[in-house]
C-alpha atoms as a PDB file:
ATOM      1  CA  MET A   1      -3.310  10.275  -9.687  1.00  0.00           C
ATOM      2  CA  SER A   2      -3.885  13.643  -8.074  1.00  0.00           C
ATOM      3  CA  ILE A   3      -6.536  15.806  -6.439  1.00  0.00           C
ATOM      4  CA  THR A   4      -6.579  19.566  -6.732  1.00  0.00           C
ATOM      5  CA  VAL A   5      -6.816  21.792  -3.693  1.00  0.00           C
ATOM      6  CA  GLY A   6     -10.040  23.158  -5.157  1.00  0.00           C
ATOM      7  CA  GLU A   7     -11.576  19.684  -5.388  1.00  0.00           C
ATOM      8  CA  LEU A   8     -10.681  19.004  -1.779  1.00  0.00           C
ATOM      9  CA  LEU A   9     -12.208  22.304  -0.717  1.00  0.00           C
ATOM     10  CA  GLU A  10     -15.390  21.666  -2.703  1.00  0.00           C
ATOM     11  CA  THR A  11     -15.844  18.178  -1.262  1.00  0.00           C
ATOM     12  CA  LEU A  12     -14.703  18.629   2.340  1.00  0.00           C
ATOM     13  CA  GLY A  13     -15.069  22.369   2.856  1.00  0.00           C
ATOM     14  CA  GLU A  14     -18.302  22.247   4.853  1.00  0.00           C
ATOM     15  CA  ARG A  15     -17.443  19.088   6.820  1.00  0.00           C
ATOM     16  CA  LEU A  16     -14.013  20.376   7.871  1.00  0.00           C
ATOM     17  CA  ALA A  17     -14.992  24.050   8.228  1.00  0.00           C
ATOM     18  CA  LEU A  18     -12.531  25.116   5.531  1.00  0.00           C
ATOM     19  CA  GLN A  19     -12.335  28.490   3.833  1.00  0.00           C
ATOM     20  CA  VAL A  20      -9.821  30.219   1.575  1.00  0.00           C
ATOM     21  CA  VAL A  21      -8.083  33.174   3.197  1.00  0.00           C
ATOM     22  CA  ALA A  22      -5.333  33.786   0.627  1.00  0.00           C
ATOM     23  CA  GLY A  23      -3.848  32.468  -2.600  1.00  0.00           C
ATOM     24  CA  ALA A  24      -7.055  31.492  -4.392  1.00  0.00           C
ATOM     25  CA  ALA A  25      -4.975  31.256  -7.568  1.00  0.00           C
ATOM     26  CA  GLY A  26      -3.401  28.144  -6.060  1.00  0.00           C
ATOM     27  CA  LEU A  27      -6.632  26.122  -5.897  1.00  0.00           C
ATOM     28  CA  PRO A  28      -5.769  24.237  -9.131  1.00  0.00           C
ATOM     29  CA  ARG A  29      -2.505  22.981  -7.559  1.00  0.00           C
ATOM     30  CA  ALA A  30      -2.290  19.203  -7.266  1.00  0.00           C
ATOM     31  CA  ILE A  31      -2.072  17.048  -4.151  1.00  0.00           C
ATOM     32  CA  THR A  32      -0.397  13.809  -5.242  1.00  0.00           C
ATOM     33  CA  VAL A  33       0.131  11.918  -1.965  1.00  0.00           C
ATOM     34  CA  PRO A  34      -2.348  11.270   0.857  1.00  0.00           C
ATOM     35  CA  ARG A  35       0.092  12.084   3.626  1.00  0.00           C
ATOM     36  CA  VAL A  36       0.022  15.605   5.042  1.00  0.00           C
ATOM     37  CA  GLN A  37       2.915  17.373   6.728  1.00  0.00           C
ATOM     38  CA  GLN A  38       3.340  19.679   9.692  1.00  0.00           C
ATOM     39  CA  PRO A  39       6.225  21.994   8.760  1.00  0.00           C
ATOM     40  CA  GLY A  40       7.632  22.635  12.225  1.00  0.00           C
ATOM     41  CA  LEU A  41      11.186  21.671  11.266  1.00  0.00           C
ATOM     42  CA  ALA A  42      10.956  23.703   8.059  1.00  0.00           C
ATOM     43  CA  LEU A  43       9.890  26.781  10.014  1.00  0.00           C
ATOM     44  CA  ALA A  44      12.948  26.199  12.206  1.00  0.00           C
ATOM     45  CA  GLY A  45      15.110  26.318   9.084  1.00  0.00           C
ATOM     46  CA  TYR A  46      15.576  22.594   8.375  1.00  0.00           C
ATOM     47  CA  LEU A  47      14.222  21.954   4.878  1.00  0.00           C
ATOM     48  CA  PRO A  48      15.479  18.484   3.761  1.00  0.00           C
ATOM     49  CA  GLN A  49      12.400  16.754   5.192  1.00  0.00           C
ATOM     50  CA  LEU A  50       9.987  19.074   3.381  1.00  0.00           C
ATOM     51  CA  HIS A  51       8.078  17.167   0.701  1.00  0.00           C
ATOM     52  CA  PRO A  52       6.691  18.845  -2.431  1.00  0.00           C
ATOM     53  CA  ASP A  53       3.056  18.409  -3.456  1.00  0.00           C
ATOM     54  CA  ARG A  54       1.944  17.785   0.135  1.00  0.00           C
ATOM     55  CA  MET A  55      -0.539  19.737   2.174  1.00  0.00           C
ATOM     56  CA  GLN A  56       1.175  21.668   4.976  1.00  0.00           C
ATOM     57  CA  VAL A  57      -0.822  21.762   8.219  1.00  0.00           C
ATOM     58  CA  LEU A  58      -0.088  24.393  10.854  1.00  0.00           C
ATOM     59  CA  GLY A  59      -1.567  23.903  14.306  1.00  0.00           C
ATOM     60  CA  ASN A  60      -1.168  26.011  17.418  1.00  0.00           C
ATOM     61  CA  SER A  61       2.459  24.923  17.884  1.00  0.00           C
ATOM     62  CA  GLU A  62       3.581  25.890  14.378  1.00  0.00           C
ATOM     63  CA  VAL A  63       1.700  29.199  14.404  1.00  0.00           C
ATOM     64  CA  GLY A  64       2.972  29.999  17.906  1.00  0.00           C
ATOM     65  CA  PHE A  65       6.574  29.308  16.907  1.00  0.00           C
ATOM     66  CA  LEU A  66       6.228  31.402  13.737  1.00  0.00           C
ATOM     67  CA  GLU A  67       5.023  34.356  15.795  1.00  0.00           C
ATOM     68  CA  THR A  68       8.137  34.198  18.010  1.00  0.00           C
ATOM     69  CA  LEU A  69      10.440  34.797  15.041  1.00  0.00           C
ATOM     70  CA  PRO A  70      11.595  38.246  13.966  1.00  0.00           C
ATOM     71  CA  ALA A  71       9.530  39.469  11.028  1.00  0.00           C
ATOM     72  CA  ALA A  72      12.391  39.183   8.534  1.00  0.00           C
ATOM     73  CA  VAL A  73      13.276  35.644   9.667  1.00  0.00           C
ATOM     74  CA  ALA A  74       9.642  34.554   9.605  1.00  0.00           C
ATOM     75  CA  ALA A  75       9.264  35.874   6.045  1.00  0.00           C
ATOM     76  CA  GLU A  76      12.460  34.089   4.991  1.00  0.00           C
ATOM     77  CA  ARG A  77      11.356  30.750   6.494  1.00  0.00           C
ATOM     78  CA  VAL A  78       7.866  30.898   4.973  1.00  0.00           C
ATOM     79  CA  THR A  79       9.295  31.904   1.594  1.00  0.00           C
ATOM     80  CA  ALA A  80      11.618  28.883   1.645  1.00  0.00           C
ATOM     81  CA  ILE A  81       8.615  26.621   2.215  1.00  0.00           C
ATOM     82  CA  VAL A  82       6.389  28.123  -0.468  1.00  0.00           C
ATOM     83  CA  GLU A  83       9.254  27.902  -2.978  1.00  0.00           C
ATOM     84  CA  SER A  84       9.444  24.131  -2.353  1.00  0.00           C
ATOM     85  CA  SER A  85       6.279  23.495  -4.436  1.00  0.00           C
ATOM     86  CA  VAL A  86       4.032  22.511  -1.538  1.00  0.00           C
ATOM     87  CA  ALA A  87       0.377  21.944  -2.406  1.00  0.00           C
ATOM     88  CA  CYS A  88      -1.256  24.337   0.061  1.00  0.00           C
ATOM     89  CA  PHE A  89      -1.337  25.484   3.681  1.00  0.00           C
ATOM     90  CA  VAL A  90      -4.057  24.761   6.236  1.00  0.00           C
ATOM     91  CA  VAL A  91      -4.182  26.565   9.582  1.00  0.00           C
ATOM     92  CA  THR A  92      -6.289  24.540  12.019  1.00  0.00           C
ATOM     93  CA  ASN A  93      -8.072  25.046  15.366  1.00  0.00           C
ATOM     94  CA  GLY A  94      -9.707  28.254  14.168  1.00  0.00           C
ATOM     95  CA  THR A  95      -6.384  29.994  14.854  1.00  0.00           C
ATOM     96  CA  PRO A  96      -5.956  33.391  13.152  1.00  0.00           C
ATOM     97  CA  VAL A  97      -3.761  32.931  10.077  1.00  0.00           C
ATOM     98  CA  PRO A  98      -0.412  34.776  10.397  1.00  0.00           C
ATOM     99  CA  GLU A  99      -0.111  37.679   7.999  1.00  0.00           C
ATOM    100  CA  VAL A 100       3.363  36.594   6.912  1.00  0.00           C
ATOM    101  CA  LEU A 101       1.866  33.302   5.684  1.00  0.00           C
ATOM    102  CA  THR A 102      -0.942  34.914   3.690  1.00  0.00           C
ATOM    103  CA  ASP A 103       1.443  37.458   2.165  1.00  0.00           C
ATOM    104  CA  GLN A 104       4.149  35.029   1.062  1.00  0.00           C
ATOM    105  CA  ALA A 105       1.858  32.163   0.011  1.00  0.00           C
ATOM    106  CA  GLY A 106      -0.481  34.500  -1.856  1.00  0.00           C
ATOM    107  CA  ALA A 107       2.428  36.087  -3.706  1.00  0.00           C
ATOM    108  CA  HIS A 108       3.606  32.637  -4.838  1.00  0.00           C
ATOM    109  CA  GLY A 109       0.153  31.403  -5.878  1.00  0.00           C
ATOM    110  CA  ILE A 110      -0.270  28.880  -3.061  1.00  0.00           C
ATOM    111  CA  ALA A 111      -3.631  28.618  -1.327  1.00  0.00           C
ATOM    112  CA  VAL A 112      -3.942  29.219   2.398  1.00  0.00           C
ATOM    113  CA  LEU A 113      -6.996  27.641   4.045  1.00  0.00           C
ATOM    114  CA  ALA A 114      -8.363  28.280   7.511  1.00  0.00           C
ATOM    115  CA  CYS A 115      -9.880  25.289   9.321  1.00  0.00           C
ATOM    116  CA  GLY A 116     -12.206  25.426  12.322  1.00  0.00           C
ATOM    117  CA  ILE A 117     -11.539  21.972  13.778  1.00  0.00           C
ATOM    118  CA  ARG A 118      -8.732  20.473  15.876  1.00  0.00           C
ATOM    119  CA  THR A 119      -5.463  19.604  14.141  1.00  0.00           C
ATOM    120  CA  ALA A 120      -5.627  15.889  14.949  1.00  0.00           C
ATOM    121  CA  ASP A 121      -9.242  15.624  13.759  1.00  0.00           C
ATOM    122  CA  PHE A 122      -8.439  17.451  10.533  1.00  0.00           C
ATOM    123  CA  ILE A 123      -5.390  15.304   9.764  1.00  0.00           C
ATOM    124  CA  ARG A 124      -7.293  12.083  10.435  1.00  0.00           C
ATOM    125  CA  GLN A 125     -10.261  12.986   8.263  1.00  0.00           C
ATOM    126  CA  VAL A 126      -8.370  14.542   5.366  1.00  0.00           C
ATOM    127  CA  THR A 127      -5.815  11.707   5.274  1.00  0.00           C
ATOM    128  CA  GLY A 128      -8.547   9.077   5.097  1.00  0.00           C
ATOM    129  CA  TRP A 129     -10.283  10.939   2.279  1.00  0.00           C
ATOM    130  CA  LEU A 130      -7.057  11.466   0.338  1.00  0.00           C
ATOM    131  CA  GLU A 131      -6.073   7.802   0.704  1.00  0.00           C
ATOM    132  CA  GLU A 132      -9.388   6.795  -0.833  1.00  0.00           C
ATOM    133  CA  GLN A 133      -9.195   9.338  -3.658  1.00  0.00           C
ATOM    134  CA  LEU A 134      -5.537   8.699  -4.504  1.00  0.00           C
ATOM    135  CA  ALA A 135      -5.602   4.909  -4.195  1.00  0.00           C
ATOM    136  CA  PRO A 136      -3.888   3.130  -7.133  1.00  0.00           C
ATOM    137  CA  GLU A 137      -6.479   1.538  -9.376  1.00  0.00           C
ATOM    138  CA  THR A 138      -6.883  -0.510 -12.522  1.00  0.00           C
ATOM    139  CA  THR A 139      -9.768  -1.857 -14.588  1.00  0.00           C
ATOM    140  CA  MET A 140      -9.911  -5.626 -15.150  1.00  0.00           C
ATOM    141  CA  HIS A 141     -11.787  -7.545 -17.848  1.00  0.00           C
ATOM    142  CA  ALA A 142     -13.258  -9.925 -15.288  1.00  0.00           C
ATOM    143  CA  ASP A 143     -16.188 -10.690 -12.995  1.00  0.00           C
ATOM    144  CA  LEU A 144     -16.322 -10.110  -9.255  1.00  0.00           C
ATOM    145  CA  VAL A 145     -18.649 -12.084  -7.008  1.00  0.00           C
ATOM    146  CA  GLU A 146     -19.046 -12.740  -3.300  1.00  0.00           C
ATOM    147  CA  VAL A 147     -19.118 -16.460  -2.511  1.00  0.00           C
ATOM    148  CA  GLN A 148     -19.229 -17.828   1.034  1.00  0.00           C
ATOM    149  CA  GLY A 149     -18.204 -14.398   2.299  1.00  0.00           C
ATOM    150  CA  LEU A 150     -15.132 -14.201   0.033  1.00  0.00           C
ATOM    151  CA  GLY A 151     -14.625 -11.718  -2.779  1.00  0.00           C
ATOM    152  CA  ILE A 152     -13.675 -13.788  -5.835  1.00  0.00           C
ATOM    153  CA  LEU A 153     -12.288 -12.248  -9.011  1.00  0.00           C
ATOM    154  CA  ILE A 154     -13.011 -14.475 -12.027  1.00  0.00           C
ATOM    155  CA  LEU A 155     -10.481 -14.149 -14.869  1.00  0.00           C
ATOM    156  CA  GLY A 156     -10.256 -15.854 -18.258  1.00  0.00           C
ATOM    157  CA  ARG A 157     -10.148 -15.232 -21.979  1.00  0.00           C
ATOM    158  CA  SER A 158     -13.120 -13.647 -23.716  1.00  0.00           C
ATOM    159  CA  GLY A 159     -15.928 -16.145 -24.285  1.00  0.00           C
ATOM    160  CA  ILE A 160     -14.712 -18.774 -21.827  1.00  0.00           C
ATOM    161  CA  GLY A 161     -17.752 -18.330 -19.571  1.00  0.00           C
ATOM    162  CA  LYS A 162     -16.916 -15.801 -16.852  1.00  0.00           C
ATOM    163  CA  SER A 163     -20.295 -14.071 -16.952  1.00  0.00           C
ATOM    164  CA  GLU A 164     -22.254 -17.315 -17.189  1.00  0.00           C
ATOM    165  CA  SER A 165     -20.373 -18.698 -14.191  1.00  0.00           C
ATOM    166  CA  ALA A 166     -21.061 -15.526 -12.215  1.00  0.00           C
ATOM    167  CA  LEU A 167     -24.750 -15.697 -13.141  1.00  0.00           C
ATOM    168  CA  ASP A 168     -24.898 -19.335 -12.055  1.00  0.00           C
ATOM    169  CA  LEU A 169     -23.362 -18.345  -8.708  1.00  0.00           C
ATOM    170  CA  VAL A 170     -25.995 -15.635  -8.259  1.00  0.00           C
ATOM    171  CA  ALA A 171     -28.696 -18.222  -8.979  1.00  0.00           C
ATOM    172  CA  ARG A 172     -27.138 -20.398  -6.247  1.00  0.00           C
ATOM    173  CA  GLY A 173     -27.596 -17.600  -3.695  1.00  0.00           C
ATOM    174  CA  HIS A 174     -24.291 -15.723  -3.971  1.00  0.00           C
ATOM    175  CA  ARG A 175     -23.872 -12.073  -4.900  1.00  0.00           C
ATOM    176  CA  LEU A 176     -22.654 -10.144  -7.939  1.00  0.00           C
ATOM    177  CA  VAL A 177     -20.388  -7.144  -7.558  1.00  0.00           C
ATOM    178  CA  ALA A 178     -19.308  -6.495 -11.152  1.00  0.00           C
ATOM    179  CA  ASP A 179     -19.484  -8.069 -14.583  1.00  0.00           C
ATOM    180  CA  ASP A 180     -17.125  -7.566 -17.527  1.00  0.00           C
ATOM    181  CA  ALA A 181     -15.325  -4.457 -16.202  1.00  0.00           C
ATOM    182  CA  VAL A 182     -14.106  -4.513 -12.582  1.00  0.00           C
ATOM    183  CA  LEU A 183     -12.540  -1.369 -11.154  1.00  0.00           C
ATOM    184  CA  VAL A 184      -9.951  -2.530  -8.600  1.00  0.00           C
ATOM    185  CA  ARG A 185      -8.402  -0.151  -6.072  1.00  0.00           C
ATOM    186  CA  ARG A 186      -5.593  -0.726  -3.589  1.00  0.00           C
ATOM    187  CA  ILE A 187      -6.871   0.871  -0.395  1.00  0.00           C
ATOM    188  CA  SER A 188      -3.928  -0.268   1.742  1.00  0.00           C
ATOM    189  CA  PRO A 189      -0.607  -2.035   1.087  1.00  0.00           C
ATOM    190  CA  THR A 190      -2.314  -5.443   1.383  1.00  0.00           C
ATOM    191  CA  VAL A 191      -6.004  -4.845   0.609  1.00  0.00           C
ATOM    192  CA  LEU A 192      -7.765  -4.523  -2.749  1.00  0.00           C
ATOM    193  CA  ARG A 193     -11.407  -3.642  -3.281  1.00  0.00           C
ATOM    194  CA  GLY A 194     -13.389  -3.961  -6.492  1.00  0.00           C
ATOM    195  CA  ARG A 195     -16.589  -2.461  -7.840  1.00  0.00           C
ATOM    196  CA  ALA A 196     -18.429  -2.090 -11.107  1.00  0.00           C
ATOM    197  CA  ALA A 197     -18.079   0.857 -13.426  1.00  0.00           C
ATOM    198  CA  THR A 198     -20.927   3.297 -12.712  1.00  0.00           C
ATOM    199  CA  LEU A 199     -22.960   2.562 -15.848  1.00  0.00           C
ATOM    200  CA  LEU A 200     -22.606  -1.225 -15.472  1.00  0.00           C
ATOM    201  CA  SER A 201     -23.648  -1.480 -11.824  1.00  0.00           C
ATOM    202  CA  HIS A 202     -25.927  -4.506 -11.156  1.00  0.00           C
ATOM    203  CA  HIS A 203     -25.996  -5.413 -14.862  1.00  0.00           C
ATOM    204  CA  MET A 204     -24.548  -8.353 -16.774  1.00  0.00           C
ATOM    205  CA  GLU A 205     -24.062  -9.089 -20.462  1.00  0.00           C
ATOM    206  CA  ILE A 206     -24.980 -12.693 -21.235  1.00  0.00           C
ATOM    207  CA  ARG A 207     -24.500 -13.966 -24.778  1.00  0.00           C
ATOM    208  CA  GLY A 208     -27.842 -14.957 -26.203  1.00  0.00           C
ATOM    209  CA  LEU A 209     -29.776 -12.912 -23.620  1.00  0.00           C
ATOM    210  CA  GLY A 210     -28.164  -9.522 -23.900  1.00  0.00           C
ATOM    211  CA  VAL A 211     -27.897  -7.147 -20.951  1.00  0.00           C
ATOM    212  CA  ILE A 212     -29.823  -8.180 -17.831  1.00  0.00           C
ATOM    213  CA  ASP A 213     -30.488  -6.349 -14.565  1.00  0.00           C
ATOM    214  CA  VAL A 214     -29.436  -8.764 -11.820  1.00  0.00           C
ATOM    215  CA  GLU A 215     -30.955  -6.697  -9.024  1.00  0.00           C
ATOM    216  CA  ALA A 216     -34.351  -6.580 -10.770  1.00  0.00           C
ATOM    217  CA  LEU A 217     -34.308 -10.307 -11.601  1.00  0.00           C
ATOM    218  CA  PHE A 218     -32.903 -11.745  -8.353  1.00  0.00           C
ATOM    219  CA  GLY A 219     -33.554  -9.029  -5.761  1.00  0.00           C
ATOM    220  CA  THR A 220     -31.449  -6.478  -3.939  1.00  0.00           C
ATOM    221  CA  LEU A 221     -29.661  -9.138  -1.879  1.00  0.00           C
ATOM    222  CA  ALA A 222     -28.167 -10.578  -5.082  1.00  0.00           C
ATOM    223  CA  THR A 223     -25.812  -7.615  -5.589  1.00  0.00           C
ATOM    224  CA  LEU A 224     -23.121  -5.683  -3.724  1.00  0.00           C
ATOM    225  CA  GLU A 225     -21.718  -2.235  -4.438  1.00  0.00           C
ATOM    226  CA  ASP A 226     -18.124  -3.242  -3.740  1.00  0.00           C
ATOM    227  CA  ARG A 227     -16.116  -6.046  -2.153  1.00  0.00           C
ATOM    228  CA  GLN A 228     -12.631  -6.822  -0.916  1.00  0.00           C
ATOM    229  CA  LEU A 229     -10.734  -9.253  -3.162  1.00  0.00           C
ATOM    230  CA  ASP A 230      -9.784 -12.458  -1.357  1.00  0.00           C
ATOM    231  CA  LEU A 231      -9.262 -15.018  -4.141  1.00  0.00           C
ATOM    232  CA  VAL A 232      -8.625 -15.093  -7.890  1.00  0.00           C
ATOM    233  CA  VAL A 233     -10.136 -17.876 -10.002  1.00  0.00           C
ATOM    234  CA  GLU A 234      -8.805 -18.145 -13.543  1.00  0.00           C
ATOM    235  CA  LEU A 235     -10.870 -20.126 -16.047  1.00  0.00           C
ATOM    236  CA  ILE A 236      -8.541 -21.825 -18.532  1.00  0.00           C
ATOM    237  CA  ASP A 237      -9.000 -24.117 -21.509  1.00  0.00           C
ATOM    238  CA  TRP A 238      -9.059 -27.804 -20.705  1.00  0.00           C
ATOM    239  CA  SER A 239      -5.680 -29.524 -20.490  1.00  0.00           C
ATOM    240  CA  ASP A 240      -4.632 -32.958 -19.289  1.00  0.00           C
ATOM    241  CA  ASP A 241      -1.628 -31.274 -17.650  1.00  0.00           C
ATOM    242  CA  ALA A 242      -3.770 -29.366 -15.126  1.00  0.00           C
ATOM    243  CA  ASP A 243      -2.822 -29.614 -11.443  1.00  0.00           C
ATOM    244  CA  ARG A 244      -4.696 -32.591  -9.977  1.00  0.00           C
ATOM    245  CA  LEU A 245      -3.590 -32.455  -6.340  1.00  0.00           C
ATOM    246  CA  GLY A 246      -3.464 -28.750  -5.534  1.00  0.00           C
ATOM    247  CA  LEU A 247      -0.246 -29.018  -3.534  1.00  0.00           C
ATOM    248  CA  VAL A 248       1.379 -25.962  -5.105  1.00  0.00           C
ATOM    249  CA  ASP A 249       0.016 -22.627  -3.871  1.00  0.00           C
ATOM    250  CA  THR A 250      -0.004 -20.037  -6.656  1.00  0.00           C
ATOM    251  CA  THR A 251      -0.686 -16.319  -6.549  1.00  0.00           C
ATOM    252  CA  HIS A 252      -1.859 -13.595  -8.889  1.00  0.00           C
ATOM    253  CA  THR A 253      -0.266 -10.194  -8.243  1.00  0.00           C
ATOM    254  CA  LEU A 254      -2.528  -7.215  -8.819  1.00  0.00           C
ATOM    255  CA  LEU A 255      -1.446  -3.646  -8.016  1.00  0.00           C
ATOM    256  CA  ASP A 256       1.541  -5.162  -6.177  1.00  0.00           C
ATOM    257  CA  VAL A 257      -0.742  -7.207  -3.898  1.00  0.00           C
ATOM    258  CA  PRO A 258      -0.401 -11.021  -4.170  1.00  0.00           C
ATOM    259  CA  LEU A 259      -3.731 -12.869  -4.107  1.00  0.00           C
ATOM    260  CA  PRO A 260      -4.238 -16.647  -3.892  1.00  0.00           C
ATOM    261  CA  LEU A 261      -4.968 -18.088  -7.340  1.00  0.00           C
ATOM    262  CA  VAL A 262      -6.932 -21.153  -8.409  1.00  0.00           C
ATOM    263  CA  ARG A 263      -6.981 -22.252 -12.065  1.00  0.00           C
ATOM    264  CA  ILE A 264     -10.068 -24.175 -13.201  1.00  0.00           C
ATOM    265  CA  PRO A 265      -9.980 -25.954 -16.591  1.00  0.00           C
ATOM    266  CA  VAL A 266     -13.219 -25.491 -18.537  1.00  0.00           C
ATOM    267  CA  ILE A 267     -14.897 -28.248 -20.546  1.00  0.00           C
ATOM    268  CA  PRO A 268     -18.564 -28.764 -21.522  1.00  0.00           C
ATOM    269  CA  GLY A 269     -20.474 -30.517 -18.755  1.00  0.00           C
ATOM    270  CA  ARG A 270     -18.419 -29.198 -15.840  1.00  0.00           C
ATOM    271  CA  SER A 271     -20.287 -27.077 -13.293  1.00  0.00           C
ATOM    272  CA  ILE A 272     -17.907 -24.156 -13.030  1.00  0.00           C
ATOM    273  CA  ALA A 273     -20.083 -22.403 -10.460  1.00  0.00           C
ATOM    274  CA  MET A 274     -19.976 -25.450  -8.189  1.00  0.00           C
ATOM    275  CA  LEU A 275     -16.193 -25.654  -8.572  1.00  0.00           C
ATOM    276  CA  ILE A 276     -15.793 -21.956  -7.725  1.00  0.00           C
ATOM    277  CA  GLU A 277     -18.039 -22.453  -4.708  1.00  0.00           C
ATOM    278  CA  THR A 278     -15.892 -25.409  -3.637  1.00  0.00           C
ATOM    279  CA  ALA A 279     -12.716 -23.354  -4.148  1.00  0.00           C
ATOM    280  CA  ALA A 280     -14.165 -20.710  -1.822  1.00  0.00           C
ATOM    281  CA  ARG A 281     -14.962 -23.307   0.846  1.00  0.00           C
ATOM    282  CA  ASP A 282     -11.463 -24.777   0.531  1.00  0.00           C
ATOM    283  CA  ARG A 283      -9.920 -21.308   0.878  1.00  0.00           C
ATOM    284  CA  LEU A 284     -11.906 -20.772   4.083  1.00  0.00           C
ATOM    285  CA  LEU A 285     -10.620 -24.104   5.414  1.00  0.00           C
ATOM    286  CA  ARG A 286      -7.045 -23.112   4.605  1.00  0.00           C
ATOM    287  CA  GLY A 287      -7.595 -19.887   6.491  1.00  0.00           C
ATOM    288  CA  ARG A 288      -8.383 -22.031   9.535  1.00  0.00           C
ATOM    289  CA  GLY A 289      -5.229 -24.090   9.067  1.00  0.00           C
ATOM    290  CA  ARG A 290      -6.765 -27.003   7.130  1.00  0.00           C
ATOM    291  CA  HIS A 291      -5.005 -27.788   3.818  1.00  0.00           C
ATOM    292  CA  SER A 292      -6.883 -30.758   2.348  1.00  0.00           C
ATOM    293  CA  ALA A 293      -4.389 -31.529  -0.419  1.00  0.00           C
ATOM    294  CA  ALA A 294      -1.393 -31.344   1.930  1.00  0.00           C
ATOM    295  CA  GLU A 295      -3.129 -33.529   4.506  1.00  0.00           C
ATOM    296  CA  PHE A 296      -3.989 -36.103   1.827  1.00  0.00           C
ATOM    297  CA  ALA A 297      -0.394 -36.161   0.554  1.00  0.00           C
ATOM    298  CA  ALA A 298       0.878 -36.563   4.113  1.00  0.00           C
ATOM    299  CA  ARG A 299      -1.412 -39.580   4.647  1.00  0.00           C
ATOM    300  CA  ILE A 300      -0.137 -41.152   1.420  1.00  0.00           C
ATOM    301  CA  ASP A 301       3.455 -40.562   2.532  1.00  0.00           C
ATOM    302  CA  ARG A 302       2.785 -42.110   5.935  1.00  0.00           C
ATOM    303  CA  ALA A 303       1.091 -45.129   4.344  1.00  0.00           C
ATOM    304  CA  ALA A 304       3.982 -45.563   1.911  1.00  0.00           C
ATOM    305  CA  ALA A 305       6.511 -45.272   4.746  1.00  0.00           C
ATOM    306  CA  GLY A 306       4.624 -47.887   6.741  1.00  0.00           C
ATOM    307  CA  THR A 307       4.565 -50.285   3.787  1.00  0.00           C
ATOM    308  CA  HIS A 308       8.295 -49.873   3.200  1.00  0.00           C
ATOM    309  CA  GLY A 309       8.932 -50.394   6.910  1.00  0.00           C
ATOM    310  CA  ARG A 310       7.047 -53.695   6.979  1.00  0.00           C
ATOM    311  CA  LYS A 311       8.885 -54.951   3.881  1.00  0.00           C
ATOM    312  CA  ALA A 312      12.224 -54.033   5.406  1.00  0.00           C
ATOM    313  CA  GLY A 313      11.296 -55.909   8.579  1.00  0.00           C
END
């Protein structure tokens, strides 16, 4: 994914007091990573740490150092940076933009932006925005609900009952985030958030009923715009080989983030919503250090050990 310099300027220009001072032809250039760079070492002549496609931020220190260099050296250093395919330059603190920067960047088609706020404030705000815009994402054929304060992604083959289970959970007082198509984004190395596609927000497709508006039917408290993913529940066809004790912890990896996984076999007559609700409660208990299945197995082992001990005696 990428964001153009022009898109950043259009979205954040007013908030961050940004304006183009040179190189307007470079506004279509792409920013591909959320991290920005301050090119102090590059201005000193050390280029190996210079990363292409990043925004280069010059504060008072960088501008002050550049102005100490002889004109020819300054032009050489700036040229070396602009030829490294950087995304753009931003001069912060309302500092006048050095002429050598506007000349060289403009000649190479790289935008130079002036910013009226402090360097640290600019870096913090622009990095947060870029991380959100450039977050890895994928669309899942699934449902996403909030149950007992946990974001639960419901997976399963088409027609197995994902939407009906989600609707039943809403009727039991829980909340719908997305039905059928869930857009999942990795907002940090360990955190995923999901939401509905724009046109499907608050709506569900239920076979036999068609498309329903959950917010209109159940009220505004029955829906959420987005939710962190905490647990994956996979609905599977009934099998006598299904795990009956729950001693083995399984995970489902999504966008390189492992999430706890519970598989629930489906058969007519089972209340899937109640089982998902119970899975959520059990996950909360595990988060507090209580593993019901492990504790039960430990009691069985202790009882068996006691029986064997009495026989041996």
